[in-house]
Amino acid sequence: DERAEVADQLTTLASLARPAGGVSAG
């Protein structure tokens, strides 16, 4: 149960650093 909750939090954390649209280029 705790793992599922933390997994949701990590998913949210990971989505914060994704660029808009999900892709980026240098």
PDB file of all heavy atoms in Angstrom:
ATOM      1  N   ASP A   1       0.828  -1.211   0.000  1.00  0.00           N
ATOM      2  CA  ASP A   1       0.000   0.000   0.000  1.00  0.00           C
ATOM      3  C   ASP A   1       0.862   1.261   0.000  1.00  0.00           C
ATOM      4  O   ASP A   1       0.609   2.199  -0.757  1.00  0.00           O
ATOM      5  CB  ASP A   1      -0.951   0.023   1.201  1.00  0.00           C
ATOM      6  CG  ASP A   1      -2.043  -1.038   1.095  1.00  0.00           C
ATOM      7  OD1 ASP A   1      -2.340  -1.471  -0.038  1.00  0.00           O
ATOM      8  OD2 ASP A   1      -2.588  -1.434   2.148  1.00  0.00           O
ATOM      9  N   GLU A   2       1.867   1.276   0.865  1.00  0.00           N
ATOM     10  CA  GLU A   2       2.768   2.438   0.923  1.00  0.00           C
ATOM     11  C   GLU A   2       3.539   2.586  -0.392  1.00  0.00           C
ATOM     12  O   GLU A   2       3.734   3.697  -0.876  1.00  0.00           O
ATOM     13  CB  GLU A   2       3.769   2.281   2.069  1.00  0.00           C
ATOM     14  CG  GLU A   2       3.146   2.355   3.448  1.00  0.00           C
ATOM     15  CD  GLU A   2       4.161   2.024   4.528  1.00  0.00           C
ATOM     16  OE1 GLU A   2       4.944   1.078   4.355  1.00  0.00           O
ATOM     17  OE2 GLU A   2       4.157   2.744   5.553  1.00  0.00           O
ATOM     18  N   ARG A   3       3.941   1.468  -0.961  1.00  0.00           N
ATOM     19  CA  ARG A   3       4.685   1.491  -2.219  1.00  0.00           C
ATOM     20  C   ARG A   3       3.834   2.111  -3.335  1.00  0.00           C
ATOM     21  O   ARG A   3       4.322   2.921  -4.111  1.00  0.00           O
ATOM     22  CB  ARG A   3       5.116   0.078  -2.596  1.00  0.00           C
ATOM     23  CG  ARG A   3       6.013   0.034  -3.813  1.00  0.00           C
ATOM     24  CD  ARG A   3       6.488  -1.369  -4.112  1.00  0.00           C
ATOM     25  NE  ARG A   3       7.294  -1.877  -3.021  1.00  0.00           N
ATOM     26  CZ  ARG A   3       7.231  -3.123  -2.550  1.00  0.00           C
ATOM     27  NH1 ARG A   3       6.421  -4.000  -3.085  1.00  0.00           N
ATOM     28  NH2 ARG A   3       8.002  -3.495  -1.552  1.00  0.00           N
ATOM     29  N   ALA A   4       2.561   1.753  -3.383  1.00  0.00           N
ATOM     30  CA  ALA A   4       1.671   2.307  -4.407  1.00  0.00           C
ATOM     31  C   ALA A   4       1.517   3.817  -4.228  1.00  0.00           C
ATOM     32  O   ALA A   4       1.519   4.572  -5.204  1.00  0.00           O
ATOM     33  CB  ALA A   4       0.311   1.621  -4.349  1.00  0.00           C
ATOM     34  N   GLU A   5       1.408   4.262  -2.985  1.00  0.00           N
ATOM     35  CA  GLU A   5       1.266   5.694  -2.714  1.00  0.00           C
ATOM     36  C   GLU A   5       2.527   6.464  -3.099  1.00  0.00           C
ATOM     37  O   GLU A   5       2.467   7.515  -3.744  1.00  0.00           O
ATOM     38  CB  GLU A   5       0.944   5.908  -1.230  1.00  0.00           C
ATOM     39  CG  GLU A   5       0.547   7.329  -0.914  1.00  0.00           C
ATOM     40  CD  GLU A   5       0.073   7.481   0.521  1.00  0.00           C
ATOM     41  OE1 GLU A   5      -0.446   6.505   1.100  1.00  0.00           O
ATOM     42  OE2 GLU A   5       0.229   8.595   1.054  1.00  0.00           O
ATOM     43  N   VAL A   6       3.694   5.937  -2.721  1.00  0.00           N
ATOM     44  CA  VAL A   6       4.951   6.593  -3.065  1.00  0.00           C
ATOM     45  C   VAL A   6       5.179   6.539  -4.576  1.00  0.00           C
ATOM     46  O   VAL A   6       5.681   7.491  -5.166  1.00  0.00           O
ATOM     47  CB  VAL A   6       6.129   5.992  -2.274  1.00  0.00           C
ATOM     48  CG1 VAL A   6       7.460   6.504  -2.787  1.00  0.00           C
ATOM     49  CG2 VAL A   6       5.976   6.330  -0.792  1.00  0.00           C
ATOM     50  N   ALA A   7       4.776   5.443  -5.209  1.00  0.00           N
ATOM     51  CA  ALA A   7       4.898   5.350  -6.672  1.00  0.00           C
ATOM     52  C   ALA A   7       4.098   6.464  -7.343  1.00  0.00           C
ATOM     53  O   ALA A   7       4.570   7.083  -8.313  1.00  0.00           O
ATOM     54  CB  ALA A   7       4.447   3.982  -7.162  1.00  0.00           C
ATOM     55  N   ASP A   8       2.907   6.749  -6.833  1.00  0.00           N
ATOM     56  CA  ASP A   8       2.113   7.861  -7.369  1.00  0.00           C
ATOM     57  C   ASP A   8       2.839   9.191  -7.175  1.00  0.00           C
ATOM     58  O   ASP A   8       2.852  10.041  -8.074  1.00  0.00           O
ATOM     59  CB  ASP A   8       0.739   7.925  -6.695  1.00  0.00           C
ATOM     60  CG  ASP A   8      -0.200   6.827  -7.167  1.00  0.00           C
ATOM     61  OD1 ASP A   8       0.061   6.218  -8.229  1.00  0.00           O
ATOM     62  OD2 ASP A   8      -1.193   6.570  -6.454  1.00  0.00           O
ATOM     63  N   GLN A   9       3.437   9.370  -6.010  1.00  0.00           N
ATOM     64  CA  GLN A   9       4.179  10.608  -5.749  1.00  0.00           C
ATOM     65  C   GLN A   9       5.395  10.737  -6.668  1.00  0.00           C
ATOM     66  O   GLN A   9       5.696  11.825  -7.162  1.00  0.00           O
ATOM     67  CB  GLN A   9       4.631  10.658  -4.290  1.00  0.00           C
ATOM     68  CG  GLN A   9       3.491  10.809  -3.313  1.00  0.00           C
ATOM     69  CD  GLN A   9       3.955  10.716  -1.875  1.00  0.00           C
ATOM     70  OE1 GLN A   9       4.797   9.885  -1.531  1.00  0.00           O
ATOM     71  NE2 GLN A   9       3.396  11.562  -1.027  1.00  0.00           N
ATOM     72  N   LEU A  10       6.079   9.625  -6.907  1.00  0.00           N
ATOM     73  CA  LEU A  10       7.236   9.664  -7.803  1.00  0.00           C
ATOM     74  C   LEU A  10       6.808   9.926  -9.245  1.00  0.00           C
ATOM     75  O   LEU A  10       7.514  10.611  -9.988  1.00  0.00           O
ATOM     76  CB  LEU A  10       8.026   8.349  -7.707  1.00  0.00           C
ATOM     77  CG  LEU A  10       8.759   8.112  -6.395  1.00  0.00           C
ATOM     78  CD1 LEU A  10       9.393   6.722  -6.382  1.00  0.00           C
ATOM     79  CD2 LEU A  10       9.807   9.189  -6.148  1.00  0.00           C
ATOM     80  N   THR A  11       5.670   9.399  -9.636  1.00  0.00           N
ATOM     81  CA  THR A  11       5.146   9.664 -10.979  1.00  0.00           C
ATOM     82  C   THR A  11       4.867  11.151 -11.147  1.00  0.00           C
ATOM     83  O   THR A  11       5.216  11.751 -12.170  1.00  0.00           O
ATOM     84  CB  THR A  11       3.875   8.836 -11.228  1.00  0.00           C
ATOM     85  OG1 THR A  11       4.199   7.448 -11.113  1.00  0.00           O
ATOM     86  CG2 THR A  11       3.294   9.118 -12.603  1.00  0.00           C
ATOM     87  N   THR A  12       4.263  11.760 -10.135  1.00  0.00           N
ATOM     88  CA  THR A  12       4.000  13.199 -10.182  1.00  0.00           C
ATOM     89  C   THR A  12       5.305  13.981 -10.219  1.00  0.00           C
ATOM     90  O   THR A  12       5.457  14.906 -11.020  1.00  0.00           O
ATOM     91  CB  THR A  12       3.162  13.635  -8.959  1.00  0.00           C
ATOM     92  OG1 THR A  12       1.929  12.918  -8.982  1.00  0.00           O
ATOM     93  CG2 THR A  12       2.898  15.129  -8.974  1.00  0.00           C
ATOM     94  N   LEU A  13       6.253  13.592  -9.400  1.00  0.00           N
ATOM     95  CA  LEU A  13       7.551  14.262  -9.384  1.00  0.00           C
ATOM     96  C   LEU A  13       8.211  14.172 -10.764  1.00  0.00           C
ATOM     97  O   LEU A  13       8.714  15.162 -11.296  1.00  0.00           O
ATOM     98  CB  LEU A  13       8.446  13.624  -8.321  1.00  0.00           C
ATOM     99  CG  LEU A  13       9.816  14.255  -8.150  1.00  0.00           C
ATOM    100  CD1 LEU A  13      10.183  14.290  -6.678  1.00  0.00           C
ATOM    101  CD2 LEU A  13      10.865  13.502  -8.916  1.00  0.00           C
ATOM    102  N   ALA A  14       8.180  12.990 -11.363  1.00  0.00           N
ATOM    103  CA  ALA A  14       8.802  12.800 -12.678  1.00  0.00           C
ATOM    104  C   ALA A  14       8.126  13.663 -13.738  1.00  0.00           C
ATOM    105  O   ALA A  14       8.793  14.195 -14.626  1.00  0.00           O
ATOM    106  CB  ALA A  14       8.755  11.328 -13.075  1.00  0.00           C
ATOM    107  N   SER A  15       6.825  13.845 -13.633  1.00  0.00           N
ATOM    108  CA  SER A  15       6.112  14.632 -14.639  1.00  0.00           C
ATOM    109  C   SER A  15       6.429  16.127 -14.543  1.00  0.00           C
ATOM    110  O   SER A  15       6.311  16.849 -15.533  1.00  0.00           O
ATOM    111  CB  SER A  15       4.605  14.417 -14.527  1.00  0.00           C
ATOM    112  OG  SER A  15       4.098  15.034 -13.358  1.00  0.00           O
ATOM    113  N   LEU A  16       6.860  16.598 -13.380  1.00  0.00           N
ATOM    114  CA  LEU A  16       7.168  18.018 -13.213  1.00  0.00           C
ATOM    115  C   LEU A  16       8.362  18.458 -14.051  1.00  0.00           C
ATOM    116  O   LEU A  16       8.430  19.607 -14.490  1.00  0.00           O
ATOM    117  CB  LEU A  16       7.451  18.335 -11.744  1.00  0.00           C
ATOM    118  CG  LEU A  16       6.278  18.247 -10.795  1.00  0.00           C
ATOM    119  CD1 LEU A  16       6.751  18.421  -9.356  1.00  0.00           C
ATOM    120  CD2 LEU A  16       5.221  19.267 -11.142  1.00  0.00           C
ATOM    121  N   ALA A  17       9.301  17.562 -14.263  1.00  0.00           N
ATOM    122  CA  ALA A  17      10.526  17.927 -14.976  1.00  0.00           C
ATOM    123  C   ALA A  17      10.440  17.651 -16.477  1.00  0.00           C
ATOM    124  O   ALA A  17      11.370  17.945 -17.202  1.00  0.00           O
ATOM    125  CB  ALA A  17      11.719  17.177 -14.391  1.00  0.00           C
ATOM    126  N   ARG A  18       9.328  17.080 -16.933  1.00  0.00           N
ATOM    127  CA  ARG A  18       9.171  16.837 -18.367  1.00  0.00           C
ATOM    128  C   ARG A  18       8.818  18.130 -19.068  1.00  0.00           C
ATOM    129  O   ARG A  18       7.977  18.891 -18.595  1.00  0.00           O
ATOM    130  CB  ARG A  18       8.046  15.835 -18.625  1.00  0.00           C
ATOM    131  CG  ARG A  18       8.441  14.437 -18.342  1.00  0.00           C
ATOM    132  CD  ARG A  18       7.372  13.473 -18.850  1.00  0.00           C
ATOM    133  NE  ARG A  18       7.554  12.228 -18.153  1.00  0.00           N
ATOM    134  CZ  ARG A  18       6.657  11.692 -17.341  1.00  0.00           C
ATOM    135  NH1 ARG A  18       5.494  12.265 -17.141  1.00  0.00           N
ATOM    136  NH2 ARG A  18       6.914  10.566 -16.729  1.00  0.00           N
ATOM    137  N   PRO A  19       9.403  18.384 -20.209  1.00  0.00           N
ATOM    138  CA  PRO A  19       9.029  19.571 -20.960  1.00  0.00           C
ATOM    139  C   PRO A  19       7.596  19.459 -21.476  1.00  0.00           C
ATOM    140  O   PRO A  19       7.101  18.351 -21.645  1.00  0.00           O
ATOM    141  CB  PRO A  19      10.026  19.612 -22.121  1.00  0.00           C
ATOM    142  CG  PRO A  19      10.708  18.311 -22.132  1.00  0.00           C
ATOM    143  CD  PRO A  19      10.453  17.612 -20.826  1.00  0.00           C
ATOM    144  N   ALA A  20       6.961  20.600 -21.697  1.00  0.00           N
ATOM    145  CA  ALA A  20       5.613  20.612 -22.260  1.00  0.00           C
ATOM    146  C   ALA A  20       5.627  19.854 -23.573  1.00  0.00           C
ATOM    147  O   ALA A  20       6.497  20.044 -24.402  1.00  0.00           O
ATOM    148  CB  ALA A  20       5.141  22.046 -22.472  1.00  0.00           C
ATOM    149  N   GLY A  21       4.655  18.981 -23.764  1.00  0.00           N
ATOM    150  CA  GLY A  21       4.613  18.197 -24.984  1.00  0.00           C
ATOM    151  C   GLY A  21       5.412  16.907 -24.884  1.00  0.00           C
ATOM    152  O   GLY A  21       5.323  16.051 -25.740  1.00  0.00           O
ATOM    153  N   GLY A  22       6.228  16.752 -23.836  1.00  0.00           N
ATOM    154  CA  GLY A  22       6.942  15.522 -23.612  1.00  0.00           C
ATOM    155  C   GLY A  22       8.215  15.327 -24.412  1.00  0.00           C
ATOM    156  O   GLY A  22       8.827  14.285 -24.340  1.00  0.00           O
ATOM    157  N   VAL A  23       8.602  16.292 -25.214  1.00  0.00           N
ATOM    158  CA  VAL A  23       9.840  16.165 -25.990  1.00  0.00           C
ATOM    159  C   VAL A  23      10.641  17.438 -25.849  1.00  0.00           C
ATOM    160  O   VAL A  23      10.113  18.493 -25.514  1.00  0.00           O
ATOM    161  CB  VAL A  23       9.559  15.899 -27.496  1.00  0.00           C
ATOM    162  CG1 VAL A  23       8.857  14.576 -27.683  1.00  0.00           C
ATOM    163  CG2 VAL A  23       8.753  17.022 -28.104  1.00  0.00           C
ATOM    164  N   SER A  24      11.935  17.356 -26.089  1.00  0.00           N
ATOM    165  CA  SER A  24      12.772  18.546 -26.054  1.00  0.00           C
ATOM    166  C   SER A  24      13.966  18.342 -26.954  1.00  0.00           C
ATOM    167  O   SER A  24      14.282  17.223 -27.335  1.00  0.00           O
ATOM    168  CB  SER A  24      13.243  18.851 -24.630  1.00  0.00           C
ATOM    169  OG  SER A  24      14.113  17.834 -24.178  1.00  0.00           O
ATOM    170  N   ALA A  25      14.613  19.442 -27.292  1.00  0.00           N
ATOM    171  CA  ALA A  25      15.804  19.382 -28.134  1.00  0.00           C
ATOM    172  C   ALA A  25      16.770  20.460 -27.676  1.00  0.00           C
ATOM    173  O   ALA A  25      16.365  21.480 -27.130  1.00  0.00           O
ATOM    174  CB  ALA A  25      15.443  19.602 -29.593  1.00  0.00           C
ATOM    175  N   GLY A  26      18.043  20.226 -27.912  1.00  0.00           N
ATOM    176  CA  GLY A  26      19.070  21.194 -27.561  1.00  0.00           C
ATOM    177  C   GLY A  26      19.166  22.292 -28.606  1.00  0.00           C
ATOM    178  O   GLY A  26      18.310  22.427 -29.492  1.00  0.00           O
TER     179      GLY A  26
END
